[in-house]
Amino acid sequence: VLWDRETLGSPRKAIVWQDRRTADICTELKTQGVEGRVSEL
């Protein structure tokens, strides 16, 4: 969720845990070889 610290209104809808739109972003990061470090942390 994003919200305005002053008005508490949100500029856009929340992206829900079920959302799959970032599958390609995750694949891109995996090809960069960072998944092992991300998992470690």
Full PDB file with SEQRES, HELIX, SHEET, SSBOND, CRYST1, ORIGX, SCALE, CONECT and MASTER records, all heavy atoms in Angstrom:
SEQRES   1 A   41  VAL LEU TRP ASP ARG GLU THR LEU GLY SER PRO ARG LYS          
SEQRES   2 A   41  ALA ILE VAL TRP GLN ASP ARG ARG THR ALA ASP ILE CYS          
SEQRES   3 A   41  THR GLU LEU LYS THR GLN GLY VAL GLU GLY ARG VAL SER          
SEQRES   4 A   41  GLU LEU                                                      
HELIX    1 AA1 ALA A   23  THR A   31  1                                   9    
HELIX    2 AA2 GLU A   35  GLU A   40  1                                   6    
CRYST1    1.000    1.000    1.000  90.00  90.00  90.00 P 1           1          
ORIGX1      1.000000  0.000000  0.000000        0.00000                         
ORIGX2      0.000000  1.000000  0.000000        0.00000                         
ORIGX3      0.000000  0.000000  1.000000        0.00000                         
SCALE1      1.000000  0.000000  0.000000        0.00000                         
SCALE2      0.000000  1.000000  0.000000        0.00000                         
SCALE3      0.000000  0.000000  1.000000        0.00000                         
ATOM      1  N   VAL A   1       0.850  -1.197   0.000  1.00  0.00           N  
ATOM      2  CA  VAL A   1       0.000   0.000   0.000  1.00  0.00           C  
ATOM      3  C   VAL A   1       0.883   1.243   0.000  1.00  0.00           C  
ATOM      4  O   VAL A   1       1.913   1.288   0.684  1.00  0.00           O  
ATOM      5  CB  VAL A   1      -0.909   0.049   1.256  1.00  0.00           C  
ATOM      6  CG1 VAL A   1      -1.983   1.119   1.089  1.00  0.00           C  
ATOM      7  CG2 VAL A   1      -1.539  -1.295   1.531  1.00  0.00           C  
ATOM      8  N   LEU A   2       0.477   2.236  -0.756  1.00  0.00           N  
ATOM      9  CA  LEU A   2       1.074   3.570  -0.676  1.00  0.00           C  
ATOM     10  C   LEU A   2       0.015   4.528  -0.143  1.00  0.00           C  
ATOM     11  O   LEU A   2      -1.169   4.400  -0.474  1.00  0.00           O  
ATOM     12  CB  LEU A   2       1.527   4.062  -2.055  1.00  0.00           C  
ATOM     13  CG  LEU A   2       2.498   3.212  -2.868  1.00  0.00           C  
ATOM     14  CD1 LEU A   2       2.843   3.933  -4.171  1.00  0.00           C  
ATOM     15  CD2 LEU A   2       3.754   2.893  -2.094  1.00  0.00           C  
ATOM     16  N   TRP A   3       0.448   5.492   0.675  1.00  0.00           N  
ATOM     17  CA  TRP A   3      -0.497   6.529   1.105  1.00  0.00           C  
ATOM     18  C   TRP A   3       0.229   7.831   1.404  1.00  0.00           C  
ATOM     19  O   TRP A   3       1.429   7.853   1.693  1.00  0.00           O  
ATOM     20  CB  TRP A   3      -1.321   6.073   2.323  1.00  0.00           C  
ATOM     21  CG  TRP A   3      -0.553   5.865   3.599  1.00  0.00           C  
ATOM     22  CD1 TRP A   3      -0.310   6.782   4.589  1.00  0.00           C  
ATOM     23  CD2 TRP A   3       0.088   4.654   4.040  1.00  0.00           C  
ATOM     24  NE1 TRP A   3       0.412   6.223   5.604  1.00  0.00           N  
ATOM     25  CE2 TRP A   3       0.666   4.911   5.299  1.00  0.00           C  
ATOM     26  CE3 TRP A   3       0.212   3.372   3.493  1.00  0.00           C  
ATOM     27  CZ2 TRP A   3       1.377   3.935   6.015  1.00  0.00           C  
ATOM     28  CZ3 TRP A   3       0.909   2.406   4.200  1.00  0.00           C  
ATOM     29  CH2 TRP A   3       1.477   2.699   5.446  1.00  0.00           C  
ATOM     30  N   ASP A   4      -0.520   8.907   1.297  1.00  0.00           N  
ATOM     31  CA  ASP A   4      -0.008  10.250   1.549  1.00  0.00           C  
ATOM     32  C   ASP A   4       0.125  10.440   3.059  1.00  0.00           C  
ATOM     33  O   ASP A   4      -0.829  10.219   3.806  1.00  0.00           O  
ATOM     34  CB  ASP A   4      -0.978  11.283   0.956  1.00  0.00           C  
ATOM     35  CG  ASP A   4      -0.427  12.695   0.987  1.00  0.00           C  
ATOM     36  OD1 ASP A   4      -0.107  13.179   2.088  1.00  0.00           O  
ATOM     37  OD2 ASP A   4      -0.349  13.316  -0.088  1.00  0.00           O  
ATOM     38  N   ARG A   5       1.298  10.828   3.483  1.00  0.00           N  
ATOM     39  CA  ARG A   5       1.543  10.957   4.932  1.00  0.00           C  
ATOM     40  C   ARG A   5       0.667  12.029   5.576  1.00  0.00           C  
ATOM     41  O   ARG A   5       0.359  11.937   6.765  1.00  0.00           O  
ATOM     42  CB  ARG A   5       3.022  11.282   5.191  1.00  0.00           C  
ATOM     43  CG  ARG A   5       3.991  10.172   4.809  1.00  0.00           C  
ATOM     44  CD  ARG A   5       5.422  10.619   5.070  1.00  0.00           C  
ATOM     45  NE  ARG A   5       6.408   9.675   4.564  1.00  0.00           N  
ATOM     46  CZ  ARG A   5       6.937   8.667   5.260  1.00  0.00           C  
ATOM     47  NH1 ARG A   5       6.548   8.477   6.513  1.00  0.00           N  
ATOM     48  NH2 ARG A   5       7.839   7.875   4.722  1.00  0.00           N  
ATOM     49  N   GLU A   6       0.261  13.027   4.810  1.00  0.00           N  
ATOM     50  CA  GLU A   6      -0.550  14.116   5.361  1.00  0.00           C  
ATOM     51  C   GLU A   6      -2.047  13.813   5.278  1.00  0.00           C  
ATOM     52  O   GLU A   6      -2.771  13.888   6.280  1.00  0.00           O  
ATOM     53  CB  GLU A   6      -0.244  15.425   4.609  1.00  0.00           C  
ATOM     54  CG  GLU A   6       1.162  15.935   4.831  1.00  0.00           C  
ATOM     55  CD  GLU A   6       1.442  16.305   6.283  1.00  0.00           C  
ATOM     56  OE1 GLU A   6       0.518  16.813   6.957  1.00  0.00           O  
ATOM     57  OE2 GLU A   6       2.570  16.077   6.744  1.00  0.00           O  
ATOM     58  N   THR A   7      -2.522  13.472   4.104  1.00  0.00           N  
ATOM     59  CA  THR A   7      -3.966  13.274   3.913  1.00  0.00           C  
ATOM     60  C   THR A   7      -4.419  11.854   4.214  1.00  0.00           C  
ATOM     61  O   THR A   7      -5.605  11.608   4.406  1.00  0.00           O  
ATOM     62  CB  THR A   7      -4.359  13.598   2.466  1.00  0.00           C  
ATOM     63  OG1 THR A   7      -3.803  12.599   1.587  1.00  0.00           O  
ATOM     64  CG2 THR A   7      -3.848  14.976   2.048  1.00  0.00           C  
ATOM     65  N   LEU A   8      -3.475  10.898   4.207  1.00  0.00           N  
ATOM     66  CA  LEU A   8      -3.725   9.462   4.390  1.00  0.00           C  
ATOM     67  C   LEU A   8      -4.489   8.844   3.213  1.00  0.00           C  
ATOM     68  O   LEU A   8      -4.866   7.673   3.259  1.00  0.00           O  
ATOM     69  CB  LEU A   8      -4.461   9.169   5.703  1.00  0.00           C  
ATOM     70  CG  LEU A   8      -3.768   9.687   6.967  1.00  0.00           C  
ATOM     71  CD1 LEU A   8      -4.574   9.304   8.214  1.00  0.00           C  
ATOM     72  CD2 LEU A   8      -2.351   9.152   7.078  1.00  0.00           C  
ATOM     73  N   GLY A   9      -4.712   9.631   2.155  1.00  0.00           N  
ATOM     74  CA  GLY A   9      -5.298   9.083   0.942  1.00  0.00           C  
ATOM     75  C   GLY A   9      -4.268   8.293   0.156  1.00  0.00           C  
ATOM     76  O   GLY A   9      -3.065   8.545   0.248  1.00  0.00           O  
ATOM     77  N   SER A  10      -4.727   7.321  -0.619  1.00  0.00           N  
ATOM     78  CA  SER A  10      -3.819   6.478  -1.398  1.00  0.00           C  
ATOM     79  C   SER A  10      -3.853   6.877  -2.867  1.00  0.00           C  
ATOM     80  O   SER A  10      -4.940   7.032  -3.441  1.00  0.00           O  
ATOM     81  CB  SER A  10      -4.207   5.003  -1.259  1.00  0.00           C  
ATOM     82  OG  SER A  10      -4.052   4.578   0.085  1.00  0.00           O  
ATOM     83  N   PRO A  11      -2.701   7.032  -3.502  1.00  0.00           N  
ATOM     84  CA  PRO A  11      -2.665   7.469  -4.897  1.00  0.00           C  
ATOM     85  C   PRO A  11      -3.034   6.373  -5.898  1.00  0.00           C  
ATOM     86  O   PRO A  11      -3.265   6.661  -7.066  1.00  0.00           O  
ATOM     87  CB  PRO A  11      -1.206   7.889  -5.090  1.00  0.00           C  
ATOM     88  CG  PRO A  11      -0.446   7.018  -4.131  1.00  0.00           C  
ATOM     89  CD  PRO A  11      -1.349   6.894  -2.930  1.00  0.00           C  
ATOM     90  N   ARG A  12      -3.054   5.128  -5.440  1.00  0.00           N  
ATOM     91  CA  ARG A  12      -3.398   4.017  -6.332  1.00  0.00           C  
ATOM     92  C   ARG A  12      -3.881   2.841  -5.482  1.00  0.00           C  
ATOM     93  O   ARG A  12      -3.743   2.842  -4.261  1.00  0.00           O  
ATOM     94  CB  ARG A  12      -2.193   3.581  -7.171  1.00  0.00           C  
ATOM     95  CG  ARG A  12      -1.121   2.909  -6.341  1.00  0.00           C  
ATOM     96  CD  ARG A  12      -0.068   2.141  -7.109  1.00  0.00           C  
ATOM     97  NE  ARG A  12      -0.409   1.674  -8.424  1.00  0.00           N  
ATOM     98  CZ  ARG A  12      -1.057   0.543  -8.676  1.00  0.00           C  
ATOM     99  NH1 ARG A  12      -1.478  -0.221  -7.677  1.00  0.00           N  
ATOM    100  NH2 ARG A  12      -1.294   0.172  -9.918  1.00  0.00           N  
ATOM    101  N   LYS A  13      -4.432   1.850  -6.152  1.00  0.00           N  
ATOM    102  CA  LYS A  13      -4.872   0.649  -5.435  1.00  0.00           C  
ATOM    103  C   LYS A  13      -3.668  -0.148  -4.928  1.00  0.00           C  
ATOM    104  O   LYS A  13      -2.579  -0.082  -5.497  1.00  0.00           O  
ATOM    105  CB  LYS A  13      -5.746  -0.217  -6.338  1.00  0.00           C  
ATOM    106  CG  LYS A  13      -7.100   0.409  -6.673  1.00  0.00           C  
ATOM    107  CD  LYS A  13      -7.939  -0.535  -7.506  1.00  0.00           C  
ATOM    108  CE  LYS A  13      -9.332   0.046  -7.749  1.00  0.00           C  
ATOM    109  NZ  LYS A  13      -9.292   1.215  -8.641  1.00  0.00           N  
ATOM    110  N   ALA A  14      -3.897  -0.893  -3.862  1.00  0.00           N  
ATOM    111  CA  ALA A  14      -2.866  -1.775  -3.317  1.00  0.00           C  
ATOM    112  C   ALA A  14      -2.669  -2.966  -4.253  1.00  0.00           C  
ATOM    113  O   ALA A  14      -3.623  -3.469  -4.852  1.00  0.00           O  
ATOM    114  CB  ALA A  14      -3.279  -2.269  -1.933  1.00  0.00           C  
ATOM    115  N   ILE A  15      -1.422  -3.407  -4.397  1.00  0.00           N  
ATOM    116  CA  ILE A  15      -1.122  -4.611  -5.180  1.00  0.00           C  
ATOM    117  C   ILE A  15      -1.105  -5.788  -4.213  1.00  0.00           C  
ATOM    118  O   ILE A  15      -0.316  -5.814  -3.265  1.00  0.00           O  
ATOM    119  CB  ILE A  15       0.212  -4.479  -5.923  1.00  0.00           C  
ATOM    120  CG1 ILE A  15       0.189  -3.251  -6.842  1.00  0.00           C  
ATOM    121  CG2 ILE A  15       0.485  -5.734  -6.745  1.00  0.00           C  
ATOM    122  CD1 ILE A  15       1.477  -3.026  -7.612  1.00  0.00           C  
ATOM    123  N   VAL A  16      -1.976  -6.752  -4.453  1.00  0.00           N  
ATOM    124  CA  VAL A  16      -2.271  -7.827  -3.500  1.00  0.00           C  
ATOM    125  C   VAL A  16      -1.255  -8.961  -3.624  1.00  0.00           C  
ATOM    126  O   VAL A  16      -0.669  -9.185  -4.692  1.00  0.00           O  
ATOM    127  CB  VAL A  16      -3.704  -8.342  -3.732  1.00  0.00           C  
ATOM    128  CG1 VAL A  16      -4.057  -9.501  -2.810  1.00  0.00           C  
ATOM    129  CG2 VAL A  16      -4.695  -7.186  -3.528  1.00  0.00           C  
ATOM    130  N   TRP A  17      -1.074  -9.680  -2.544  1.00  0.00           N  
ATOM    131  CA  TRP A  17      -0.104 -10.785  -2.507  1.00  0.00           C  
ATOM    132  C   TRP A  17      -0.341 -11.804  -3.615  1.00  0.00           C  
ATOM    133  O   TRP A  17       0.599 -12.432  -4.107  1.00  0.00           O  
ATOM    134  CB  TRP A  17      -0.144 -11.474  -1.140  1.00  0.00           C  
ATOM    135  CG  TRP A  17      -1.459 -12.083  -0.737  1.00  0.00           C  
ATOM    136  CD1 TRP A  17      -2.477 -11.458  -0.081  1.00  0.00           C  
ATOM    137  CD2 TRP A  17      -1.895 -13.434  -0.949  1.00  0.00           C  
ATOM    138  NE1 TRP A  17      -3.524 -12.321   0.126  1.00  0.00           N  
ATOM    139  CE2 TRP A  17      -3.200 -13.544  -0.388  1.00  0.00           C  
ATOM    140  CE3 TRP A  17      -1.319 -14.560  -1.538  1.00  0.00           C  
ATOM    141  CZ2 TRP A  17      -3.920 -14.732  -0.416  1.00  0.00           C  
ATOM    142  CZ3 TRP A  17      -2.039 -15.750  -1.562  1.00  0.00           C  
ATOM    143  CH2 TRP A  17      -3.329 -15.830  -1.009  1.00  0.00           C  
ATOM    144  N   GLN A  18      -1.580 -11.968  -4.069  1.00  0.00           N  
ATOM    145  CA  GLN A  18      -1.893 -12.940  -5.114  1.00  0.00           C  
ATOM    146  C   GLN A  18      -1.481 -12.472  -6.504  1.00  0.00           C  
ATOM    147  O   GLN A  18      -1.457 -13.271  -7.439  1.00  0.00           O  
ATOM    148  CB  GLN A  18      -3.404 -13.197  -5.140  1.00  0.00           C  
ATOM    149  CG  GLN A  18      -3.968 -13.821  -3.889  1.00  0.00           C  
ATOM    150  CD  GLN A  18      -5.487 -13.802  -3.909  1.00  0.00           C  
ATOM    151  OE1 GLN A  18      -6.106 -12.783  -4.166  1.00  0.00           O  
ATOM    152  NE2 GLN A  18      -6.087 -14.932  -3.642  1.00  0.00           N  
ATOM    153  N   ASP A  19      -1.153 -11.202  -6.647  1.00  0.00           N  
ATOM    154  CA  ASP A  19      -0.893 -10.603  -7.960  1.00  0.00           C  
ATOM    155  C   ASP A  19       0.364 -11.211  -8.594  1.00  0.00           C  
ATOM    156  O   ASP A  19       1.387 -11.385  -7.946  1.00  0.00           O  
ATOM    157  CB  ASP A  19      -0.711  -9.100  -7.780  1.00  0.00           C  
ATOM    158  CG  ASP A  19      -0.738  -8.340  -9.074  1.00  0.00           C  
ATOM    159  OD1 ASP A  19       0.263  -8.392  -9.823  1.00  0.00           O  
ATOM    160  OD2 ASP A  19      -1.745  -7.673  -9.344  1.00  0.00           O  
ATOM    161  N   ARG A  20       0.274 -11.518  -9.897  1.00  0.00           N  
ATOM    162  CA  ARG A  20       1.365 -12.191 -10.614  1.00  0.00           C  
ATOM    163  C   ARG A  20       2.060 -11.292 -11.637  1.00  0.00           C  
ATOM    164  O   ARG A  20       2.882 -11.773 -12.418  1.00  0.00           O  
ATOM    165  CB  ARG A  20       0.811 -13.412 -11.358  1.00  0.00           C  
ATOM    166  CG  ARG A  20       0.097 -14.426 -10.493  1.00  0.00           C  
ATOM    167  CD  ARG A  20       1.072 -15.369  -9.822  1.00  0.00           C  
ATOM    168  NE  ARG A  20       1.429 -14.927  -8.502  1.00  0.00           N  
ATOM    169  CZ  ARG A  20       2.382 -15.475  -7.760  1.00  0.00           C  
ATOM    170  NH1 ARG A  20       3.092 -16.469  -8.215  1.00  0.00           N  
ATOM    171  NH2 ARG A  20       2.646 -15.019  -6.561  1.00  0.00           N  
ATOM    172  N   ARG A  21       1.781 -10.004 -11.636  1.00  0.00           N  
ATOM    173  CA  ARG A  21       2.303  -9.140 -12.704  1.00  0.00           C  
ATOM    174  C   ARG A  21       3.830  -9.034 -12.694  1.00  0.00           C  
ATOM    175  O   ARG A  21       4.426  -8.632 -13.692  1.00  0.00           O  
ATOM    176  CB  ARG A  21       1.687  -7.750 -12.608  1.00  0.00           C  
ATOM    177  CG  ARG A  21       2.281  -6.852 -11.526  1.00  0.00           C  
ATOM    178  CD  ARG A  21       1.558  -5.534 -11.410  1.00  0.00           C  
ATOM    179  NE  ARG A  21       0.200  -5.707 -10.914  1.00  0.00           N  
ATOM    180  CZ  ARG A  21      -0.655  -4.714 -10.737  1.00  0.00           C  
ATOM    181  NH1 ARG A  21      -0.304  -3.464 -11.011  1.00  0.00           N  
ATOM    182  NH2 ARG A  21      -1.865  -4.944 -10.263  1.00  0.00           N  
ATOM    183  N   THR A  22       4.457  -9.364 -11.586  1.00  0.00           N  
ATOM    184  CA  THR A  22       5.913  -9.168 -11.484  1.00  0.00           C  
ATOM    185  C   THR A  22       6.703 -10.439 -11.769  1.00  0.00           C  
ATOM    186  O   THR A  22       7.889 -10.512 -11.448  1.00  0.00           O  
ATOM    187  CB  THR A  22       6.287  -8.625 -10.099  1.00  0.00           C  
ATOM    188  OG1 THR A  22       5.936  -9.597  -9.097  1.00  0.00           O  
ATOM    189  CG2 THR A  22       5.567  -7.325  -9.803  1.00  0.00           C  
ATOM    190  N   ALA A  23       6.067 -11.436 -12.402  1.00  0.00           N  
ATOM    191  CA  ALA A  23       6.775 -12.689 -12.688  1.00  0.00           C  
ATOM    192  C   ALA A  23       8.022 -12.439 -13.531  1.00  0.00           C  
ATOM    193  O   ALA A  23       9.091 -13.016 -13.283  1.00  0.00           O  
ATOM    194  CB  ALA A  23       5.839 -13.670 -13.386  1.00  0.00           C  
ATOM    195  N   ASP A  24       7.907 -11.563 -14.541  1.00  0.00           N  
ATOM    196  CA  ASP A  24       9.058 -11.300 -15.402  1.00  0.00           C  
ATOM    197  C   ASP A  24      10.166 -10.556 -14.654  1.00  0.00           C  
ATOM    198  O   ASP A  24      11.355 -10.765 -14.919  1.00  0.00           O  
ATOM    199  CB  ASP A  24       8.625 -10.492 -16.633  1.00  0.00           C  
ATOM    200  CG  ASP A  24       7.784 -11.328 -17.593  1.00  0.00           C  
ATOM    201  OD1 ASP A  24       7.825 -12.569 -17.488  1.00  0.00           O  
ATOM    202  OD2 ASP A  24       7.082 -10.737 -18.444  1.00  0.00           O  
ATOM    203  N   ILE A  25       9.785  -9.669 -13.740  1.00  0.00           N  
ATOM    204  CA  ILE A  25      10.784  -8.968 -12.933  1.00  0.00           C  
ATOM    205  C   ILE A  25      11.563  -9.972 -12.082  1.00  0.00           C  
ATOM    206  O   ILE A  25      12.796  -9.889 -11.972  1.00  0.00           O  
ATOM    207  CB  ILE A  25      10.113  -7.899 -12.044  1.00  0.00           C  
ATOM    208  CG1 ILE A  25       9.580  -6.752 -12.908  1.00  0.00           C  
ATOM    209  CG2 ILE A  25      11.081  -7.367 -10.985  1.00  0.00           C  
ATOM    210  CD1 ILE A  25       8.750  -5.738 -12.153  1.00  0.00           C  
ATOM    211  N   CYS A  26      10.849 -10.923 -11.499  1.00  0.00           N  
ATOM    212  CA  CYS A  26      11.519 -11.943 -10.686  1.00  0.00           C  
ATOM    213  C   CYS A  26      12.448 -12.799 -11.542  1.00  0.00           C  
ATOM    214  O   CYS A  26      13.575 -13.124 -11.128  1.00  0.00           O  
ATOM    215  CB  CYS A  26      10.484 -12.818  -9.985  1.00  0.00           C  
ATOM    216  SG  CYS A  26       9.547 -11.945  -8.709  1.00  0.00           S  
ATOM    217  N   THR A  27      12.004 -13.145 -12.751  1.00  0.00           N  
ATOM    218  CA  THR A  27      12.856 -13.912 -13.662  1.00  0.00           C  
ATOM    219  C   THR A  27      14.102 -13.117 -14.023  1.00  0.00           C  
ATOM    220  O   THR A  27      15.229 -13.648 -14.064  1.00  0.00           O  
ATOM    221  CB  THR A  27      12.073 -14.282 -14.936  1.00  0.00           C  
ATOM    222  OG1 THR A  27      10.943 -15.079 -14.567  1.00  0.00           O  
ATOM    223  CG2 THR A  27      12.941 -15.064 -15.906  1.00  0.00           C  
ATOM    224  N   GLU A  28      13.933 -11.847 -14.280  1.00  0.00           N  
ATOM    225  CA  GLU A  28      15.057 -10.957 -14.610  1.00  0.00           C  
ATOM    226  C   GLU A  28      16.088 -10.930 -13.478  1.00  0.00           C  
ATOM    227  O   GLU A  28      17.300 -11.032 -13.710  1.00  0.00           O  
ATOM    228  CB  GLU A  28      14.504  -9.559 -14.868  1.00  0.00           C  
ATOM    229  CG  GLU A  28      15.524  -8.468 -15.085  1.00  0.00           C  
ATOM    230  CD  GLU A  28      14.877  -7.095 -15.093  1.00  0.00           C  
ATOM    231  OE1 GLU A  28      13.747  -6.959 -15.621  1.00  0.00           O  
ATOM    232  OE2 GLU A  28      15.477  -6.152 -14.553  1.00  0.00           O  
ATOM    233  N   LEU A  29      15.600 -10.825 -12.247  1.00  0.00           N  
ATOM    234  CA  LEU A  29      16.513 -10.799 -11.099  1.00  0.00           C  
ATOM    235  C   LEU A  29      17.224 -12.143 -10.929  1.00  0.00           C  
ATOM    236  O   LEU A  29      18.407 -12.185 -10.566  1.00  0.00           O  
ATOM    237  CB  LEU A  29      15.740 -10.430  -9.837  1.00  0.00           C  
ATOM    238  CG  LEU A  29      15.270  -8.970  -9.753  1.00  0.00           C  
ATOM    239  CD1 LEU A  29      14.242  -8.795  -8.655  1.00  0.00           C  
ATOM    240  CD2 LEU A  29      16.454  -8.047  -9.528  1.00  0.00           C  
ATOM    241  N   LYS A  30      16.492 -13.224 -11.190  1.00  0.00           N  
ATOM    242  CA  LYS A  30      17.122 -14.543 -11.098  1.00  0.00           C  
ATOM    243  C   LYS A  30      18.260 -14.686 -12.103  1.00  0.00           C  
ATOM    244  O   LYS A  30      19.309 -15.257 -11.791  1.00  0.00           O  
ATOM    245  CB  LYS A  30      16.077 -15.635 -11.325  1.00  0.00           C  
ATOM    246  CG  LYS A  30      15.092 -15.802 -10.180  1.00  0.00           C  
ATOM    247  CD  LYS A  30      14.020 -16.828 -10.522  1.00  0.00           C  
ATOM    248  CE  LYS A  30      12.966 -16.918  -9.428  1.00  0.00           C  
ATOM    249  NZ  LYS A  30      11.877 -17.863  -9.791  1.00  0.00           N  
ATOM    250  N   THR A  31      18.054 -14.169 -13.305  1.00  0.00           N  
ATOM    251  CA  THR A  31      19.105 -14.274 -14.322  1.00  0.00           C  
ATOM    252  C   THR A  31      20.325 -13.431 -13.958  1.00  0.00           C  
ATOM    253  O   THR A  31      21.424 -13.678 -14.460  1.00  0.00           O  
ATOM    254  CB  THR A  31      18.577 -13.834 -15.704  1.00  0.00           C  
ATOM    255  OG1 THR A  31      18.153 -12.466 -15.642  1.00  0.00           O  
ATOM    256  CG2 THR A  31      17.419 -14.717 -16.143  1.00  0.00           C  
ATOM    257  N   GLN A  32      20.127 -12.454 -13.078  1.00  0.00           N  
ATOM    258  CA  GLN A  32      21.260 -11.661 -12.590  1.00  0.00           C  
ATOM    259  C   GLN A  32      22.031 -12.377 -11.492  1.00  0.00           C  
ATOM    260  O   GLN A  32      23.060 -11.887 -11.017  1.00  0.00           O  
ATOM    261  CB  GLN A  32      20.763 -10.309 -12.076  1.00  0.00           C  
ATOM    262  CG  GLN A  32      20.168  -9.414 -13.149  1.00  0.00           C  
ATOM    263  CD  GLN A  32      19.541  -8.156 -12.577  1.00  0.00           C  
ATOM    264  OE1 GLN A  32      19.729  -7.817 -11.399  1.00  0.00           O  
ATOM    265  NE2 GLN A  32      18.781  -7.440 -13.406  1.00  0.00           N  
ATOM    266  N   GLY A  33      21.503 -13.533 -11.068  1.00  0.00           N  
ATOM    267  CA  GLY A  33      22.217 -14.363 -10.095  1.00  0.00           C  
ATOM    268  C   GLY A  33      22.114 -13.898  -8.663  1.00  0.00           C  
ATOM    269  O   GLY A  33      22.967 -14.249  -7.834  1.00  0.00           O  
ATOM    270  N   VAL A  34      21.043 -13.143  -8.321  1.00  0.00           N  
ATOM    271  CA  VAL A  34      20.954 -12.586  -6.968  1.00  0.00           C  
ATOM    272  C   VAL A  34      20.048 -13.400  -6.048  1.00  0.00           C  
ATOM    273  O   VAL A  34      19.974 -13.110  -4.848  1.00  0.00           O  
ATOM    274  CB  VAL A  34      20.456 -11.118  -7.003  1.00  0.00           C  
ATOM    275  CG1 VAL A  34      21.400 -10.256  -7.826  1.00  0.00           C  
ATOM    276  CG2 VAL A  34      19.037 -11.034  -7.563  1.00  0.00           C  
ATOM    277  N   GLU A  35      19.352 -14.427  -6.576  1.00  0.00           N  
ATOM    278  CA  GLU A  35      18.362 -15.117  -5.752  1.00  0.00           C  
ATOM    279  C   GLU A  35      18.983 -15.785  -4.535  1.00  0.00           C  
ATOM    280  O   GLU A  35      18.410 -15.775  -3.446  1.00  0.00           O  
ATOM    281  CB  GLU A  35      17.574 -16.152  -6.555  1.00  0.00           C  
ATOM    282  CG  GLU A  35      16.456 -16.789  -5.725  1.00  0.00           C  
ATOM    283  CD  GLU A  35      15.501 -17.631  -6.523  1.00  0.00           C  
ATOM    284  OE1 GLU A  35      15.935 -18.268  -7.500  1.00  0.00           O  
ATOM    285  OE2 GLU A  35      14.311 -17.657  -6.190  1.00  0.00           O  
ATOM    286  N   GLY A  36      20.181 -16.357  -4.698  1.00  0.00           N  
ATOM    287  CA  GLY A  36      20.830 -17.014  -3.566  1.00  0.00           C  
ATOM    288  C   GLY A  36      21.070 -16.052  -2.415  1.00  0.00           C  
ATOM    289  O   GLY A  36      20.810 -16.381  -1.252  1.00  0.00           O  
ATOM    290  N   ARG A  37      21.558 -14.863  -2.736  1.00  0.00           N  
ATOM    291  CA  ARG A  37      21.822 -13.869  -1.691  1.00  0.00           C  
ATOM    292  C   ARG A  37      20.518 -13.374  -1.072  1.00  0.00           C  
ATOM    293  O   ARG A  37      20.430 -13.218   0.155  1.00  0.00           O  
ATOM    294  CB  ARG A  37      22.594 -12.694  -2.295  1.00  0.00           C  
ATOM    295  CG  ARG A  37      22.914 -11.575  -1.313  1.00  0.00           C  
ATOM    296  CD  ARG A  37      23.732 -12.049  -0.135  1.00  0.00           C  
ATOM    297  NE  ARG A  37      24.125 -10.935   0.733  1.00  0.00           N  
ATOM    298  CZ  ARG A  37      24.542 -11.056   1.988  1.00  0.00           C  
ATOM    299  NH1 ARG A  37      24.626 -12.280   2.544  1.00  0.00           N  
ATOM    300  NH2 ARG A  37      24.883 -10.015   2.699  1.00  0.00           N  
ATOM    301  N   VAL A  38      19.509 -13.153  -1.905  1.00  0.00           N  
ATOM    302  CA  VAL A  38      18.209 -12.718  -1.385  1.00  0.00           C  
ATOM    303  C   VAL A  38      17.651 -13.765  -0.421  1.00  0.00           C  
ATOM    304  O   VAL A  38      17.180 -13.432   0.672  1.00  0.00           O  
ATOM    305  CB  VAL A  38      17.228 -12.449  -2.539  1.00  0.00           C  
ATOM    306  CG1 VAL A  38      15.817 -12.237  -2.000  1.00  0.00           C  
ATOM    307  CG2 VAL A  38      17.667 -11.236  -3.351  1.00  0.00           C  
ATOM    308  N   SER A  39      17.722 -15.026  -0.806  1.00  0.00           N  
ATOM    309  CA  SER A  39      17.216 -16.101   0.053  1.00  0.00           C  
ATOM    310  C   SER A  39      18.013 -16.200   1.346  1.00  0.00           C  
ATOM    311  O   SER A  39      17.453 -16.445   2.418  1.00  0.00           O  
ATOM    312  CB  SER A  39      17.258 -17.438  -0.690  1.00  0.00           C  
ATOM    313  OG  SER A  39      16.377 -17.426  -1.791  1.00  0.00           O  
ATOM    314  N   GLU A  40      19.320 -16.012   1.239  1.00  0.00           N  
ATOM    315  CA  GLU A  40      20.176 -16.071   2.431  1.00  0.00           C  
ATOM    316  C   GLU A  40      19.772 -15.015   3.455  1.00  0.00           C  
ATOM    317  O   GLU A  40      19.707 -15.279   4.659  1.00  0.00           O  
ATOM    318  CB  GLU A  40      21.636 -15.868   2.013  1.00  0.00           C  
ATOM    319  CG  GLU A  40      22.629 -15.882   3.170  1.00  0.00           C  
ATOM    320  CD  GLU A  40      24.047 -15.541   2.729  1.00  0.00           C  
ATOM    321  OE1 GLU A  40      24.290 -15.447   1.505  1.00  0.00           O  
ATOM    322  OE2 GLU A  40      24.899 -15.347   3.608  1.00  0.00           O  
ATOM    323  N   LEU A  41      19.483 -13.818   2.978  1.00  0.00           N  
ATOM    324  CA  LEU A  41      19.138 -12.727   3.886  1.00  0.00           C  
ATOM    325  C   LEU A  41      17.708 -12.815   4.395  1.00  0.00           C  
ATOM    326  O   LEU A  41      17.429 -12.495   5.555  1.00  0.00           O  
ATOM    327  CB  LEU A  41      19.351 -11.381   3.183  1.00  0.00           C  
ATOM    328  CG  LEU A  41      20.798 -10.955   2.923  1.00  0.00           C  
ATOM    329  CD1 LEU A  41      20.834  -9.714   2.058  1.00  0.00           C  
ATOM    330  CD2 LEU A  41      21.532 -10.713   4.237  1.00  0.00           C  
TER     331      LEU A  41                                                      
MASTER        0    0    0    2    0    0    0    6  330    1    0    4          
END                                                                             
